[in-house]
Amino acid sequence: MMTGPFDRTGRVAVVTSANSGIGLGMARLVAVGAKIAVVGRGARKNQAAAANVAEPDGQAMAMEVDVVQEDDCLRQGQRPLRQARQALSHQPFY
């Protein structure tokens, strides 16, 4: 078990734009011990990123949301947070 400044054991992290680039890097960084919700625009890329960042015994899920589009965020509302919490755990969000 890893300890230190990047250990997120027992936490749930929702990472936006996490299917490539800096977002994917951040998802990998917070994946240490955490359960990850990968949020981005591309469903296939989200699935691949979720599989990539999950630790061997960890959990990750993919969610398709375009956080740049206000209408999409308003339409989605709190759904991504509720879904991630229900699917992954009842731990506090980071």
C-alpha atoms as a PDB file:
ATOM      1  CA  MET A   1       0.000   0.000   0.000  1.00  0.00           C
ATOM      2  CA  MET A   2       1.359   3.404  -0.968  1.00  0.00           C
ATOM      3  CA  THR A   3       1.457   6.256   1.481  1.00  0.00           C
ATOM      4  CA  GLY A   4       2.505   9.831   1.044  1.00  0.00           C
ATOM      5  CA  PRO A   5       1.200  12.996  -0.565  1.00  0.00           C
ATOM      6  CA  PHE A   6      -0.460  11.226  -3.511  1.00  0.00           C
ATOM      7  CA  ASP A   7      -2.134   8.411  -1.568  1.00  0.00           C
ATOM      8  CA  ARG A   8      -5.914   8.696  -2.024  1.00  0.00           C
ATOM      9  CA  THR A   9      -6.892   5.444  -0.309  1.00  0.00           C
ATOM     10  CA  GLY A  10     -10.599   5.294   0.429  1.00  0.00           C
ATOM     11  CA  ARG A  11     -11.469   8.327  -1.723  1.00  0.00           C
ATOM     12  CA  VAL A  12     -13.536   8.763  -4.863  1.00  0.00           C
ATOM     13  CA  ALA A  13     -12.137  11.132  -7.486  1.00  0.00           C
ATOM     14  CA  VAL A  14     -14.131  12.581 -10.384  1.00  0.00           C
ATOM     15  CA  VAL A  15     -11.641  13.722 -13.026  1.00  0.00           C
ATOM     16  CA  THR A  16     -12.878  15.738 -15.999  1.00  0.00           C
ATOM     17  CA  SER A  17     -11.239  15.619 -19.440  1.00  0.00           C
ATOM     18  CA  ALA A  18      -9.552  12.484 -18.182  1.00  0.00           C
ATOM     19  CA  ASN A  19      -9.508  10.483 -21.394  1.00  0.00           C
ATOM     20  CA  SER A  20      -6.299  12.051 -22.785  1.00  0.00           C
ATOM     21  CA  GLY A  21      -3.485  14.505 -22.176  1.00  0.00           C
ATOM     22  CA  ILE A  22      -3.230  16.380 -18.887  1.00  0.00           C
ATOM     23  CA  GLY A  23      -6.595  15.067 -17.667  1.00  0.00           C
ATOM     24  CA  LEU A  24      -5.444  11.478 -18.130  1.00  0.00           C
ATOM     25  CA  GLY A  25      -2.221  12.301 -16.321  1.00  0.00           C
ATOM     26  CA  MET A  26      -4.180  13.755 -13.418  1.00  0.00           C
ATOM     27  CA  ALA A  27      -6.427  10.688 -13.319  1.00  0.00           C
ATOM     28  CA  ARG A  28      -3.340   8.465 -13.096  1.00  0.00           C
ATOM     29  CA  LEU A  29      -1.946  10.663 -10.331  1.00  0.00           C
ATOM     30  CA  VAL A  30      -5.070  10.517  -8.168  1.00  0.00           C
ATOM     31  CA  ALA A  31      -5.647   6.833  -8.939  1.00  0.00           C
ATOM     32  CA  VAL A  32      -3.244   5.837  -6.168  1.00  0.00           C
ATOM     33  CA  GLY A  33      -5.685   4.129  -3.823  1.00  0.00           C
ATOM     34  CA  ALA A  34      -8.733   6.030  -5.113  1.00  0.00           C
ATOM     35  CA  LYS A  35     -11.760   4.958  -7.046  1.00  0.00           C
ATOM     36  CA  ILE A  36     -11.905   7.025 -10.238  1.00  0.00           C
ATOM     37  CA  ALA A  37     -14.747   8.409 -12.349  1.00  0.00           C
ATOM     38  CA  VAL A  38     -13.287   9.325 -15.758  1.00  0.00           C
ATOM     39  CA  VAL A  39     -15.436  12.113 -17.237  1.00  0.00           C
ATOM     40  CA  GLY A  40     -15.016  13.286 -20.820  1.00  0.00           C
ATOM     41  CA  ARG A  41     -16.710  13.743 -24.192  1.00  0.00           C
ATOM     42  CA  GLY A  42     -15.802  10.455 -25.892  1.00  0.00           C
ATOM     43  CA  ALA A  43     -17.420   7.295 -24.560  1.00  0.00           C
ATOM     44  CA  ARG A  44     -14.843   4.914 -26.101  1.00  0.00           C
ATOM     45  CA  LYS A  45     -11.879   7.013 -24.982  1.00  0.00           C
ATOM     46  CA  ASN A  46     -13.406   7.288 -21.495  1.00  0.00           C
ATOM     47  CA  GLN A  47     -13.730   3.495 -21.275  1.00  0.00           C
ATOM     48  CA  ALA A  48     -10.133   2.985 -22.393  1.00  0.00           C
ATOM     49  CA  ALA A  49      -8.869   5.619 -19.944  1.00  0.00           C
ATOM     50  CA  ALA A  50     -10.866   4.125 -17.064  1.00  0.00           C
ATOM     51  CA  ALA A  51      -9.324   0.714 -17.766  1.00  0.00           C
ATOM     52  CA  ASN A  52      -5.897   2.349 -17.977  1.00  0.00           C
ATOM     53  CA  VAL A  53      -5.984   4.256 -14.690  1.00  0.00           C
ATOM     54  CA  ALA A  54      -7.618   1.624 -12.484  1.00  0.00           C
ATOM     55  CA  GLU A  55      -5.192  -0.102 -10.182  1.00  0.00           C
ATOM     56  CA  PRO A  56      -5.163  -3.897 -10.470  1.00  0.00           C
ATOM     57  CA  ASP A  57      -7.503  -4.175  -7.490  1.00  0.00           C
ATOM     58  CA  GLY A  58      -9.029  -0.703  -7.810  1.00  0.00           C
ATOM     59  CA  GLN A  59     -12.140   0.588  -9.496  1.00  0.00           C
ATOM     60  CA  ALA A  60     -12.827   3.086 -12.252  1.00  0.00           C
ATOM     61  CA  MET A  61     -15.847   4.059 -14.278  1.00  0.00           C
ATOM     62  CA  ALA A  62     -16.358   6.097 -17.441  1.00  0.00           C
ATOM     63  CA  MET A  63     -18.950   8.851 -17.856  1.00  0.00           C
ATOM     64  CA  GLU A  64     -19.696  10.815 -21.022  1.00  0.00           C
ATOM     65  CA  VAL A  65     -20.202  14.525 -20.210  1.00  0.00           C
ATOM     66  CA  ASP A  66     -18.979  17.595 -22.098  1.00  0.00           C
ATOM     67  CA  VAL A  67     -18.059  19.928 -19.239  1.00  0.00           C
ATOM     68  CA  VAL A  68     -17.244  22.758 -21.674  1.00  0.00           C
ATOM     69  CA  GLN A  69     -20.865  22.969 -22.824  1.00  0.00           C
ATOM     70  CA  GLU A  70     -23.012  24.697 -20.214  1.00  0.00           C
ATOM     71  CA  ASP A  71     -26.182  23.065 -21.579  1.00  0.00           C
ATOM     72  CA  ASP A  72     -24.675  19.603 -21.199  1.00  0.00           C
ATOM     73  CA  CYS A  73     -23.595  20.356 -17.631  1.00  0.00           C
ATOM     74  CA  LEU A  74     -27.024  21.748 -16.752  1.00  0.00           C
ATOM     75  CA  ARG A  75     -28.769  18.798 -18.411  1.00  0.00           C
ATOM     76  CA  GLN A  76     -26.508  16.335 -16.609  1.00  0.00           C
ATOM     77  CA  GLY A  77     -26.756  18.239 -13.332  1.00  0.00           C
ATOM     78  CA  GLN A  78     -25.402  16.296 -10.402  1.00  0.00           C
ATOM     79  CA  ARG A  79     -25.872  12.950 -12.187  1.00  0.00           C
ATOM     80  CA  PRO A  80     -22.147  12.266 -12.670  1.00  0.00           C
ATOM     81  CA  LEU A  81     -21.442  12.834  -8.983  1.00  0.00           C
ATOM     82  CA  ARG A  82     -24.414  10.754  -7.829  1.00  0.00           C
ATOM     83  CA  GLN A  83     -23.632   7.935 -10.272  1.00  0.00           C
ATOM     84  CA  ALA A  84     -19.974   7.844  -9.326  1.00  0.00           C
ATOM     85  CA  ARG A  85     -20.770   7.828  -5.636  1.00  0.00           C
ATOM     86  CA  GLN A  86     -23.332   5.029  -6.011  1.00  0.00           C
ATOM     87  CA  ALA A  87     -21.208   2.949  -8.348  1.00  0.00           C
ATOM     88  CA  LEU A  88     -17.854   3.345  -6.675  1.00  0.00           C
ATOM     89  CA  SER A  89     -18.429   3.984  -2.973  1.00  0.00           C
ATOM     90  CA  HIS A  90     -19.958   6.273  -0.415  1.00  0.00           C
ATOM     91  CA  GLN A  91     -16.679   7.978   0.421  1.00  0.00           C
ATOM     92  CA  PRO A  92     -16.323  11.776   0.265  1.00  0.00           C
ATOM     93  CA  PHE A  93     -15.345  13.286  -3.062  1.00  0.00           C
ATOM     94  CA  TYR A  94     -12.027  14.994  -3.544  1.00  0.00           C
END
